[in-house]
Amino acid sequence: MKKIRIICKKDAESMDYEVGDVFKVDSVWYGGVNVTSKTGVPVSLEKEEYEECVEETVHPIDAYSYGLGAMDCFCEMVAAGVKELAMSHPCDTKEERDLWIPDVKKLCQRYGIRFGAEDEPFLTALFPKEQSRGKYLFLFYRTQETMDRYLALKDEKRRLEENGALTRREDERIAVEFGRLLSYPQEGIDRLIRAAAASEGDR
């Protein structure tokens, strides 16, 4: 019961089929196939008028497998030196994030890198703050120096906030440093900052 797609129309006056229509084959004859039009009319089509439709196989992917595949990619990039620091996609709850820990450990062992569970995402001008606030994620890195730089940036921003000195310029400066730690190009950092500002109505 294959399907065919009309690629040309020999009977120009027929209203029963048009180029691009897809039909299920009812039967086959020596010169082509028989189908039923959308109005229920039997139509005989010649081989030159159609092509067989090859239906793509759909492989459903569950959320856990998708997330793990994304983290595998991040780990590979960190291991190869493409990224100094990488972040997993955020989770809404700590429990959801922690479900991945056994497999994350295996990934990091395979690639020879480290990971950390982040319960307080770094909120800067690099990403929309409200989209990241209260989320839980993983950080992937090769050396403790990278993690120390990340923690130092977070601490610097915290101190600026406590002292009432976190101006927009300072927030963006820290965002740039964070973007560089994530190995983003400068053009990408600037674009992300602009997009985050626009999404928060700060034009």
N, C-alpha and C. Protein backbone atom coordinates (compact mmCIF):
# COMPACT_ATOMS: atom_id res chain seq x y z
N MET A 1 0.85 -1.20 0.00
CA MET A 1 0.00 0.00 0.00
C MET A 1 0.88 1.24 0.00
N LYS A 2 1.77 1.37 -0.99
CA LYS A 2 2.67 2.51 -1.04
C LYS A 2 1.93 3.78 -1.45
N LYS A 3 2.61 4.91 -1.29
CA LYS A 3 2.04 6.19 -1.67
C LYS A 3 2.85 6.79 -2.82
N ILE A 4 2.16 7.59 -3.65
CA ILE A 4 2.84 8.25 -4.77
C ILE A 4 2.53 9.74 -4.72
N ARG A 5 3.44 10.53 -5.33
CA ARG A 5 3.26 11.97 -5.41
C ARG A 5 3.19 12.37 -6.87
N ILE A 6 2.23 13.20 -7.22
CA ILE A 6 2.07 13.65 -8.59
C ILE A 6 3.18 14.64 -8.94
N ILE A 7 3.91 14.37 -10.03
CA ILE A 7 5.00 15.26 -10.45
C ILE A 7 4.70 15.96 -11.78
N CYS A 8 3.75 15.42 -12.53
CA CYS A 8 3.29 16.09 -13.74
C CYS A 8 1.86 15.61 -14.04
N LYS A 9 1.18 16.32 -14.87
CA LYS A 9 -0.24 16.03 -15.11
C LYS A 9 -0.50 15.96 -16.60
N LYS A 10 -0.80 14.73 -17.07
CA LYS A 10 -1.05 14.56 -18.50
C LYS A 10 -2.45 15.01 -18.88
N ASP A 11 -3.41 14.78 -17.99
CA ASP A 11 -4.78 15.20 -18.26
C ASP A 11 -4.97 16.59 -17.67
N ALA A 12 -4.65 17.60 -18.44
CA ALA A 12 -4.66 18.97 -17.95
C ALA A 12 -6.04 19.42 -17.52
N GLU A 13 -7.10 18.82 -18.07
CA GLU A 13 -8.45 19.26 -17.76
C GLU A 13 -9.05 18.56 -16.54
N SER A 14 -8.38 17.53 -16.06
CA SER A 14 -8.90 16.80 -14.91
C SER A 14 -8.80 17.63 -13.64
N MET A 15 -9.89 17.61 -12.85
CA MET A 15 -9.91 18.31 -11.57
C MET A 15 -9.69 17.34 -10.40
N ASP A 16 -9.42 16.07 -10.74
CA ASP A 16 -9.31 15.03 -9.71
C ASP A 16 -7.92 14.92 -9.10
N TYR A 17 -6.92 15.51 -9.72
CA TYR A 17 -5.57 15.49 -9.17
C TYR A 17 -4.77 16.66 -9.69
N GLU A 18 -3.80 17.08 -8.87
CA GLU A 18 -2.94 18.20 -9.22
C GLU A 18 -1.50 17.83 -8.88
N VAL A 19 -0.55 18.54 -9.47
CA VAL A 19 0.86 18.33 -9.19
C VAL A 19 1.10 18.61 -7.70
N GLY A 20 1.77 17.67 -7.05
CA GLY A 20 2.04 17.80 -5.62
C GLY A 20 1.12 16.96 -4.76
N ASP A 21 -0.01 16.52 -5.30
CA ASP A 21 -0.93 15.68 -4.53
C ASP A 21 -0.27 14.34 -4.19
N VAL A 22 -0.62 13.81 -3.03
CA VAL A 22 -0.12 12.51 -2.60
C VAL A 22 -1.31 11.56 -2.47
N PHE A 23 -1.18 10.38 -3.05
CA PHE A 23 -2.24 9.39 -3.01
C PHE A 23 -1.71 8.04 -2.54
N LYS A 24 -2.59 7.28 -1.91
CA LYS A 24 -2.28 5.89 -1.60
C LYS A 24 -2.65 5.04 -2.81
N VAL A 25 -1.79 4.12 -3.18
CA VAL A 25 -2.01 3.29 -4.36
C VAL A 25 -3.08 2.24 -4.05
N ASP A 26 -4.13 2.20 -4.89
CA ASP A 26 -5.18 1.19 -4.73
C ASP A 26 -4.80 -0.10 -5.43
N SER A 27 -4.24 0.03 -6.64
CA SER A 27 -3.84 -1.14 -7.42
C SER A 27 -2.84 -0.71 -8.48
N VAL A 28 -2.23 -1.69 -9.11
CA VAL A 28 -1.21 -1.43 -10.12
C VAL A 28 -1.66 -2.03 -11.45
N TRP A 29 -1.40 -1.30 -12.52
CA TRP A 29 -1.63 -1.84 -13.86
C TRP A 29 -0.34 -1.71 -14.66
N TYR A 30 -0.27 -2.29 -15.82
CA TYR A 30 1.00 -2.39 -16.55
C TYR A 30 1.60 -1.04 -16.88
N GLY A 31 0.77 0.02 -16.99
CA GLY A 31 1.29 1.32 -17.36
C GLY A 31 1.38 2.31 -16.22
N GLY A 32 0.98 1.88 -15.00
CA GLY A 32 1.03 2.80 -13.89
C GLY A 32 0.26 2.30 -12.68
N VAL A 33 -0.49 3.20 -12.02
CA VAL A 33 -1.22 2.81 -10.82
C VAL A 33 -2.63 3.40 -10.85
N ASN A 34 -3.48 2.82 -10.04
CA ASN A 34 -4.82 3.34 -9.83
C ASN A 34 -4.91 3.91 -8.43
N VAL A 35 -5.49 5.10 -8.31
CA VAL A 35 -5.67 5.74 -7.01
C VAL A 35 -7.10 6.26 -6.91
N THR A 36 -7.45 6.73 -5.74
CA THR A 36 -8.76 7.35 -5.54
C THR A 36 -8.54 8.82 -5.20
N SER A 37 -9.19 9.70 -5.94
CA SER A 37 -9.03 11.13 -5.71
C SER A 37 -9.65 11.54 -4.38
N LYS A 38 -9.40 12.77 -3.98
CA LYS A 38 -9.93 13.27 -2.73
C LYS A 38 -11.46 13.33 -2.73
N THR A 39 -12.03 13.37 -3.93
CA THR A 39 -13.49 13.39 -4.04
C THR A 39 -14.07 12.00 -4.21
N GLY A 40 -13.21 10.97 -4.16
CA GLY A 40 -13.67 9.59 -4.26
C GLY A 40 -13.75 9.05 -5.66
N VAL A 41 -13.19 9.76 -6.62
CA VAL A 41 -13.23 9.32 -8.02
C VAL A 41 -12.00 8.47 -8.33
N PRO A 42 -12.17 7.26 -8.92
CA PRO A 42 -11.01 6.44 -9.32
C PRO A 42 -10.22 7.14 -10.42
N VAL A 43 -8.90 7.14 -10.28
CA VAL A 43 -8.03 7.79 -11.25
C VAL A 43 -6.91 6.84 -11.63
N SER A 44 -6.67 6.70 -12.94
CA SER A 44 -5.56 5.90 -13.44
C SER A 44 -4.42 6.84 -13.83
N LEU A 45 -3.26 6.61 -13.27
CA LEU A 45 -2.11 7.46 -13.52
C LEU A 45 -1.02 6.69 -14.25
N GLU A 46 -0.40 7.35 -15.21
CA GLU A 46 0.70 6.74 -15.94
C GLU A 46 2.01 6.95 -15.17
N LYS A 47 2.99 6.11 -15.42
CA LYS A 47 4.25 6.13 -14.66
C LYS A 47 4.94 7.49 -14.70
N GLU A 48 4.79 8.20 -15.84
CA GLU A 48 5.46 9.48 -15.97
C GLU A 48 4.85 10.57 -15.09
N GLU A 49 3.67 10.29 -14.54
CA GLU A 49 2.96 11.32 -13.80
C GLU A 49 3.27 11.35 -12.31
N TYR A 50 3.96 10.35 -11.81
CA TYR A 50 4.13 10.27 -10.36
C TYR A 50 5.50 9.73 -9.97
N GLU A 51 5.82 9.90 -8.71
CA GLU A 51 7.00 9.28 -8.12
C GLU A 51 6.59 8.65 -6.80
N GLU A 52 7.31 7.62 -6.41
CA GLU A 52 6.97 6.95 -5.16
C GLU A 52 7.38 7.81 -3.98
N CYS A 53 6.53 7.90 -2.98
CA CYS A 53 6.85 8.63 -1.76
C CYS A 53 7.59 7.69 -0.80
N VAL A 54 8.76 8.11 -0.37
CA VAL A 54 9.50 7.33 0.61
C VAL A 54 9.26 7.98 1.97
N GLU A 55 8.56 7.29 2.84
CA GLU A 55 8.23 7.84 4.15
C GLU A 55 9.42 7.71 5.09
N GLU A 56 9.75 8.81 5.75
CA GLU A 56 10.87 8.80 6.68
C GLU A 56 10.48 8.07 7.96
N THR A 57 11.42 7.30 8.46
CA THR A 57 11.20 6.61 9.72
C THR A 57 11.42 7.58 10.88
N VAL A 58 10.46 7.69 11.74
CA VAL A 58 10.55 8.60 12.88
C VAL A 58 11.02 7.82 14.10
N HIS A 59 12.11 8.29 14.70
CA HIS A 59 12.65 7.65 15.89
C HIS A 59 12.38 8.56 17.09
N PRO A 60 11.42 8.22 17.91
CA PRO A 60 11.12 9.08 19.06
C PRO A 60 12.30 9.15 20.02
N ILE A 61 12.58 10.35 20.53
CA ILE A 61 13.68 10.56 21.47
C ILE A 61 13.09 11.11 22.76
N ASP A 62 13.31 10.41 23.86
CA ASP A 62 12.79 10.90 25.13
C ASP A 62 13.68 12.01 25.66
N ALA A 63 13.14 12.78 26.60
CA ALA A 63 13.84 13.96 27.11
C ALA A 63 15.17 13.60 27.79
N TYR A 64 15.20 12.47 28.49
CA TYR A 64 16.43 12.07 29.18
C TYR A 64 17.54 11.80 28.16
N SER A 65 17.22 11.04 27.12
CA SER A 65 18.23 10.70 26.11
C SER A 65 18.70 11.94 25.37
N TYR A 66 17.78 12.86 25.08
CA TYR A 66 18.15 14.10 24.40
C TYR A 66 19.12 14.90 25.27
N GLY A 67 18.78 15.05 26.55
CA GLY A 67 19.65 15.80 27.46
C GLY A 67 21.02 15.17 27.60
N LEU A 68 21.06 13.85 27.68
CA LEU A 68 22.34 13.15 27.82
C LEU A 68 23.17 13.30 26.55
N GLY A 69 22.52 13.26 25.40
CA GLY A 69 23.24 13.44 24.15
C GLY A 69 23.85 14.83 24.05
N ALA A 70 23.10 15.84 24.50
CA ALA A 70 23.62 17.20 24.48
C ALA A 70 24.83 17.33 25.40
N MET A 71 24.77 16.70 26.58
CA MET A 71 25.90 16.77 27.51
C MET A 71 27.11 16.01 26.98
N ASP A 72 26.86 14.93 26.25
CA ASP A 72 27.96 14.21 25.62
C ASP A 72 28.71 15.14 24.67
N CYS A 73 27.95 15.92 23.91
CA CYS A 73 28.57 16.88 22.98
C CYS A 73 29.38 17.93 23.73
N PHE A 74 28.82 18.47 24.82
CA PHE A 74 29.53 19.47 25.60
C PHE A 74 30.83 18.89 26.16
N CYS A 75 30.76 17.66 26.67
CA CYS A 75 31.95 17.02 27.24
C CYS A 75 33.03 16.82 26.19
N GLU A 76 32.62 16.42 25.01
CA GLU A 76 33.60 16.20 23.93
C GLU A 76 34.28 17.52 23.57
N MET A 77 33.53 18.61 23.51
CA MET A 77 34.12 19.91 23.16
C MET A 77 35.09 20.39 24.23
N VAL A 78 34.73 20.17 25.49
CA VAL A 78 35.62 20.56 26.58
C VAL A 78 36.90 19.73 26.53
N ALA A 79 36.75 18.42 26.32
CA ALA A 79 37.91 17.53 26.26
C ALA A 79 38.84 17.89 25.11
N ALA A 80 38.26 18.33 24.00
CA ALA A 80 39.06 18.66 22.81
C ALA A 80 39.65 20.07 22.91
N GLY A 81 39.27 20.84 23.93
CA GLY A 81 39.79 22.19 24.06
C GLY A 81 39.03 23.22 23.26
N VAL A 82 37.90 22.83 22.67
CA VAL A 82 37.08 23.78 21.91
C VAL A 82 36.39 24.75 22.87
N LYS A 83 35.98 24.22 24.03
CA LYS A 83 35.38 25.05 25.06
C LYS A 83 36.15 24.88 26.36
N GLU A 84 36.38 25.99 27.05
CA GLU A 84 37.05 25.91 28.34
C GLU A 84 36.06 25.51 29.43
N LEU A 85 34.86 26.05 29.31
CA LEU A 85 33.79 25.74 30.25
C LEU A 85 32.52 25.55 29.45
N ALA A 86 31.72 24.56 29.86
CA ALA A 86 30.44 24.32 29.18
C ALA A 86 29.36 24.12 30.23
N MET A 87 28.14 24.51 29.86
CA MET A 87 27.00 24.34 30.76
C MET A 87 25.98 23.42 30.11
N SER A 88 25.38 22.57 30.93
CA SER A 88 24.29 21.74 30.43
C SER A 88 23.04 22.59 30.29
N HIS A 89 22.03 22.03 29.65
CA HIS A 89 20.74 22.71 29.63
C HIS A 89 20.20 22.75 31.06
N PRO A 90 19.53 23.83 31.45
CA PRO A 90 19.04 23.94 32.82
C PRO A 90 17.83 23.06 33.10
N CYS A 91 17.70 22.67 34.35
CA CYS A 91 16.54 21.90 34.82
C CYS A 91 15.74 22.75 35.80
N ASP A 92 14.47 22.48 35.89
CA ASP A 92 13.60 23.25 36.77
C ASP A 92 13.78 22.90 38.24
N THR A 93 14.19 21.65 38.51
CA THR A 93 14.36 21.23 39.90
C THR A 93 15.70 20.52 40.09
N LYS A 94 16.18 20.53 41.32
CA LYS A 94 17.42 19.84 41.66
C LYS A 94 17.25 18.34 41.45
N GLU A 95 16.08 17.82 41.78
CA GLU A 95 15.84 16.38 41.64
C GLU A 95 15.92 15.95 40.18
N GLU A 96 15.36 16.77 39.30
CA GLU A 96 15.42 16.47 37.87
C GLU A 96 16.86 16.46 37.38
N ARG A 97 17.62 17.48 37.79
CA ARG A 97 19.04 17.57 37.39
C ARG A 97 19.84 16.38 37.89
N ASP A 98 19.61 16.00 39.14
CA ASP A 98 20.42 14.94 39.77
C ASP A 98 20.16 13.56 39.19
N LEU A 99 19.06 13.38 38.47
CA LEU A 99 18.81 12.09 37.82
C LEU A 99 19.92 11.73 36.84
N TRP A 100 20.59 12.76 36.29
CA TRP A 100 21.63 12.53 35.29
C TRP A 100 23.00 12.22 35.91
N ILE A 101 23.16 12.41 37.20
CA ILE A 101 24.50 12.32 37.79
C ILE A 101 25.23 11.01 37.47
N PRO A 102 24.60 9.83 37.60
CA PRO A 102 25.35 8.60 37.28
C PRO A 102 25.89 8.59 35.86
N ASP A 103 25.09 9.01 34.89
CA ASP A 103 25.55 9.02 33.50
C ASP A 103 26.51 10.15 33.23
N VAL A 104 26.35 11.29 33.91
CA VAL A 104 27.30 12.40 33.75
C VAL A 104 28.68 11.98 34.25
N LYS A 105 28.72 11.24 35.35
CA LYS A 105 30.01 10.75 35.86
C LYS A 105 30.69 9.87 34.82
N LYS A 106 29.91 9.01 34.16
CA LYS A 106 30.48 8.12 33.13
C LYS A 106 31.01 8.92 31.95
N LEU A 107 30.26 9.95 31.55
CA LEU A 107 30.70 10.78 30.43
C LEU A 107 32.02 11.46 30.76
N CYS A 108 32.11 12.03 31.95
CA CYS A 108 33.33 12.76 32.32
C CYS A 108 34.52 11.83 32.47
N GLN A 109 34.28 10.62 32.95
CA GLN A 109 35.36 9.63 33.02
C GLN A 109 35.82 9.25 31.62
N ARG A 110 34.86 9.10 30.70
CA ARG A 110 35.22 8.73 29.32
C ARG A 110 36.07 9.80 28.65
N TYR A 111 35.72 11.07 28.89
CA TYR A 111 36.43 12.16 28.22
C TYR A 111 37.57 12.74 29.04
N GLY A 112 37.72 12.27 30.27
CA GLY A 112 38.82 12.76 31.10
C GLY A 112 38.66 14.19 31.54
N ILE A 113 37.43 14.60 31.84
CA ILE A 113 37.19 15.97 32.29
C ILE A 113 36.45 15.93 33.63
N ARG A 114 36.11 17.10 34.15
CA ARG A 114 35.44 17.21 35.44
C ARG A 114 34.06 17.83 35.25
N PHE A 115 33.24 17.69 36.29
CA PHE A 115 31.93 18.35 36.26
C PHE A 115 31.58 18.84 37.65
N GLY A 116 30.70 19.81 37.70
CA GLY A 116 30.20 20.31 38.97
C GLY A 116 28.71 20.55 38.85
N ALA A 117 27.98 20.28 39.91
CA ALA A 117 26.55 20.53 39.94
C ALA A 117 26.31 21.96 40.42
N GLU A 118 25.69 22.77 39.58
CA GLU A 118 25.48 24.18 39.89
C GLU A 118 24.04 24.40 40.35
N ASP A 119 23.89 24.80 41.62
CA ASP A 119 22.57 25.05 42.19
C ASP A 119 22.17 26.52 42.16
N GLU A 120 23.13 27.39 41.83
CA GLU A 120 22.87 28.83 41.77
C GLU A 120 23.47 29.37 40.46
N PRO A 121 22.73 29.28 39.36
CA PRO A 121 23.26 29.72 38.06
C PRO A 121 23.80 31.14 38.11
N PHE A 122 24.83 31.38 37.33
CA PHE A 122 25.49 32.67 37.28
C PHE A 122 24.62 33.61 36.43
N LEU A 123 23.95 34.56 37.06
CA LEU A 123 23.05 35.48 36.37
C LEU A 123 23.81 36.73 35.96
N THR A 124 24.04 36.88 34.68
CA THR A 124 24.73 38.05 34.15
C THR A 124 23.95 38.58 32.96
N ALA A 125 24.47 39.63 32.36
CA ALA A 125 23.83 40.22 31.18
C ALA A 125 24.01 39.35 29.94
N LEU A 126 24.69 38.21 30.07
CA LEU A 126 24.93 37.35 28.91
C LEU A 126 23.66 36.61 28.48
N PHE A 127 22.83 36.24 29.45
CA PHE A 127 21.58 35.53 29.18
C PHE A 127 20.43 36.21 29.94
N PRO A 128 19.21 36.06 29.47
CA PRO A 128 18.07 36.62 30.22
C PRO A 128 18.03 36.07 31.65
N LYS A 129 18.12 36.93 32.60
CA LYS A 129 18.23 36.48 34.00
C LYS A 129 17.02 35.70 34.47
N GLU A 130 15.84 36.15 34.12
CA GLU A 130 14.64 35.50 34.61
C GLU A 130 14.47 34.10 34.04
N GLN A 131 15.07 33.82 32.88
CA GLN A 131 14.99 32.48 32.31
C GLN A 131 15.94 31.50 33.00
N SER A 132 16.95 32.04 33.67
CA SER A 132 17.94 31.19 34.33
C SER A 132 17.76 31.13 35.85
N ARG A 133 17.05 32.10 36.39
CA ARG A 133 16.90 32.17 37.84
C ARG A 133 16.17 30.94 38.38
N GLY A 134 16.74 30.35 39.45
CA GLY A 134 16.10 29.20 40.08
C GLY A 134 16.29 27.89 39.34
N LYS A 135 17.18 27.85 38.35
CA LYS A 135 17.42 26.63 37.59
C LYS A 135 18.61 25.86 38.16
N TYR A 136 18.74 24.62 37.71
CA TYR A 136 19.82 23.74 38.16
C TYR A 136 20.49 23.12 36.93
N LEU A 137 21.83 23.07 36.95
CA LEU A 137 22.54 22.57 35.77
C LEU A 137 23.88 21.98 36.17
N PHE A 138 24.60 21.50 35.15
CA PHE A 138 25.96 20.98 35.33
C PHE A 138 26.95 21.90 34.64
N LEU A 139 28.16 21.98 35.19
CA LEU A 139 29.27 22.67 34.56
C LEU A 139 30.32 21.62 34.19
N PHE A 140 30.89 21.75 33.00
CA PHE A 140 31.92 20.81 32.53
C PHE A 140 33.21 21.58 32.26
N TYR A 141 34.34 21.06 32.74
CA TYR A 141 35.62 21.76 32.61
C TYR A 141 36.76 20.75 32.73
N ARG A 142 37.95 21.19 32.32
CA ARG A 142 39.10 20.29 32.39
C ARG A 142 39.96 20.52 33.62
N THR A 143 40.17 21.77 33.98
CA THR A 143 41.11 22.08 35.06
C THR A 143 40.44 22.84 36.19
N GLN A 144 41.01 22.74 37.36
CA GLN A 144 40.48 23.48 38.51
C GLN A 144 40.65 24.98 38.31
N GLU A 145 41.66 25.37 37.54
CA GLU A 145 41.86 26.79 37.25
C GLU A 145 40.63 27.40 36.60
N THR A 146 40.02 26.64 35.68
CA THR A 146 38.80 27.12 35.02
C THR A 146 37.67 27.33 36.02
N MET A 147 37.49 26.35 36.89
CA MET A 147 36.45 26.47 37.90
C MET A 147 36.74 27.62 38.86
N ASP A 148 38.01 27.82 39.20
CA ASP A 148 38.38 28.93 40.08
C ASP A 148 38.04 30.27 39.44
N ARG A 149 38.28 30.39 38.15
CA ARG A 149 37.95 31.64 37.44
C ARG A 149 36.45 31.86 37.43
N TYR A 150 35.70 30.81 37.23
CA TYR A 150 34.24 30.91 37.24
C TYR A 150 33.74 31.38 38.61
N LEU A 151 34.25 30.73 39.66
CA LEU A 151 33.83 31.09 41.02
C LEU A 151 34.26 32.51 41.39
N ALA A 152 35.42 32.92 40.88
CA ALA A 152 35.90 34.28 41.16
C ALA A 152 34.99 35.32 40.51
N LEU A 153 34.52 35.02 39.29
CA LEU A 153 33.61 35.94 38.62
C LEU A 153 32.29 36.05 39.38
N LYS A 154 31.79 34.90 39.85
CA LYS A 154 30.55 34.92 40.63
C LYS A 154 30.73 35.73 41.91
N ASP A 155 31.88 35.54 42.55
CA ASP A 155 32.14 36.25 43.80
C ASP A 155 32.29 37.75 43.55
N GLU A 156 32.93 38.12 42.44
CA GLU A 156 33.09 39.53 42.11
C GLU A 156 31.72 40.18 41.91
N LYS A 157 30.84 39.50 41.19
CA LYS A 157 29.52 40.07 40.98
C LYS A 157 28.75 40.19 42.29
N ARG A 158 28.87 39.18 43.15
CA ARG A 158 28.17 39.21 44.44
C ARG A 158 28.64 40.41 45.27
N ARG A 159 29.95 40.66 45.29
CA ARG A 159 30.49 41.77 46.07
C ARG A 159 30.01 43.12 45.51
N LEU A 160 29.95 43.22 44.18
CA LEU A 160 29.45 44.45 43.57
C LEU A 160 27.99 44.69 43.94
N GLU A 161 27.20 43.63 43.95
CA GLU A 161 25.79 43.75 44.32
C GLU A 161 25.65 44.20 45.77
N GLU A 162 26.44 43.57 46.63
CA GLU A 162 26.36 43.90 48.06
C GLU A 162 26.76 45.35 48.33
N ASN A 163 27.67 45.87 47.52
CA ASN A 163 28.15 47.24 47.70
C ASN A 163 27.35 48.26 46.89
N GLY A 164 26.31 47.76 46.20
CA GLY A 164 25.50 48.67 45.39
C GLY A 164 26.25 49.24 44.21
N ALA A 165 27.27 48.51 43.73
CA ALA A 165 28.12 49.02 42.65
C ALA A 165 27.95 48.25 41.34
N LEU A 166 26.90 47.40 41.26
CA LEU A 166 26.71 46.62 40.04
C LEU A 166 25.93 47.45 39.02
N THR A 167 26.64 48.29 38.33
CA THR A 167 26.02 49.10 37.27
C THR A 167 25.82 48.24 36.03
N ARG A 168 25.09 48.78 35.09
CA ARG A 168 24.88 48.06 33.83
C ARG A 168 26.22 47.80 33.14
N ARG A 169 27.10 48.78 33.18
CA ARG A 169 28.42 48.60 32.55
C ARG A 169 29.20 47.48 33.22
N GLU A 170 29.17 47.43 34.56
CA GLU A 170 29.87 46.37 35.28
C GLU A 170 29.25 45.01 35.00
N ASP A 171 27.92 44.97 34.94
CA ASP A 171 27.23 43.71 34.66
C ASP A 171 27.63 43.18 33.29
N GLU A 172 27.71 44.08 32.31
CA GLU A 172 28.09 43.66 30.96
C GLU A 172 29.56 43.27 30.89
N ARG A 173 30.40 43.96 31.67
CA ARG A 173 31.83 43.59 31.70
C ARG A 173 31.99 42.17 32.23
N ILE A 174 31.28 41.85 33.29
CA ILE A 174 31.35 40.50 33.86
C ILE A 174 30.76 39.49 32.88
N ALA A 175 29.70 39.89 32.17
CA ALA A 175 29.10 39.00 31.17
C ALA A 175 30.09 38.67 30.06
N VAL A 176 30.87 39.66 29.66
CA VAL A 176 31.88 39.44 28.62
C VAL A 176 32.92 38.43 29.11
N GLU A 177 33.38 38.59 30.35
CA GLU A 177 34.35 37.66 30.91
C GLU A 177 33.77 36.25 31.00
N PHE A 178 32.49 36.17 31.37
CA PHE A 178 31.83 34.88 31.44
C PHE A 178 31.74 34.26 30.06
N GLY A 179 31.40 35.06 29.06
CA GLY A 179 31.32 34.56 27.70
C GLY A 179 32.65 34.05 27.19
N ARG A 180 33.72 34.74 27.55
CA ARG A 180 35.06 34.29 27.14
C ARG A 180 35.41 32.97 27.82
N LEU A 181 34.98 32.82 29.07
CA LEU A 181 35.23 31.57 29.79
C LEU A 181 34.48 30.42 29.13
N LEU A 182 33.33 30.73 28.53
CA LEU A 182 32.54 29.73 27.81
C LEU A 182 33.06 29.55 26.38
N SER A 183 34.12 30.28 26.05
CA SER A 183 34.79 30.19 24.74
C SER A 183 33.92 30.69 23.59
N TYR A 184 33.05 31.64 23.88
CA TYR A 184 32.26 32.26 22.83
C TYR A 184 33.10 33.31 22.12
N PRO A 185 32.93 33.50 20.81
CA PRO A 185 33.62 34.59 20.12
C PRO A 185 33.02 35.92 20.55
N GLN A 186 33.79 37.00 20.39
CA GLN A 186 33.32 38.31 20.85
C GLN A 186 32.01 38.70 20.17
N GLU A 187 31.90 38.40 18.88
CA GLU A 187 30.66 38.75 18.17
C GLU A 187 29.47 38.02 18.79
N GLY A 188 29.68 36.75 19.16
CA GLY A 188 28.61 35.98 19.78
C GLY A 188 28.25 36.52 21.15
N ILE A 189 29.26 36.95 21.91
CA ILE A 189 29.01 37.54 23.23
C ILE A 189 28.19 38.81 23.10
N ASP A 190 28.58 39.68 22.17
CA ASP A 190 27.85 40.94 21.97
C ASP A 190 26.41 40.67 21.56
N ARG A 191 26.22 39.69 20.69
CA ARG A 191 24.87 39.37 20.21
C ARG A 191 24.00 38.84 21.34
N LEU A 192 24.58 37.97 22.18
CA LEU A 192 23.82 37.41 23.31
C LEU A 192 23.43 38.50 24.31
N ILE A 193 24.34 39.42 24.57
CA ILE A 193 24.05 40.51 25.50
C ILE A 193 22.92 41.38 24.97
N ARG A 194 22.97 41.68 23.66
CA ARG A 194 21.90 42.48 23.07
C ARG A 194 20.55 41.75 23.13
N ALA A 195 20.58 40.45 22.85
CA ALA A 195 19.35 39.67 22.86
C ALA A 195 18.77 39.58 24.27
N ALA A 196 19.65 39.39 25.26
CA ALA A 196 19.19 39.31 26.65
C ALA A 196 18.58 40.64 27.08
N ALA A 197 19.21 41.74 26.70
CA ALA A 197 18.69 43.06 27.07
C ALA A 197 17.33 43.30 26.42
N ALA A 198 17.20 42.90 25.15
CA ALA A 198 15.93 43.10 24.45
C ALA A 198 14.82 42.26 25.07
N SER A 199 15.14 41.03 25.47
CA SER A 199 14.12 40.16 26.05
C SER A 199 13.63 40.67 27.40
N GLU A 200 14.47 41.45 28.08
CA GLU A 200 14.10 42.00 29.38
C GLU A 200 13.59 43.42 29.26
N GLY A 201 13.41 43.87 28.03
CA GLY A 201 12.88 45.21 27.82
C GLY A 201 13.85 46.32 28.12
N ASP A 202 15.15 45.99 28.13
CA ASP A 202 16.17 47.00 28.46
C ASP A 202 16.86 47.45 27.19
N ARG A 203 16.20 48.27 26.43
CA ARG A 203 16.77 48.74 25.17
C ARG A 203 17.44 50.10 25.32
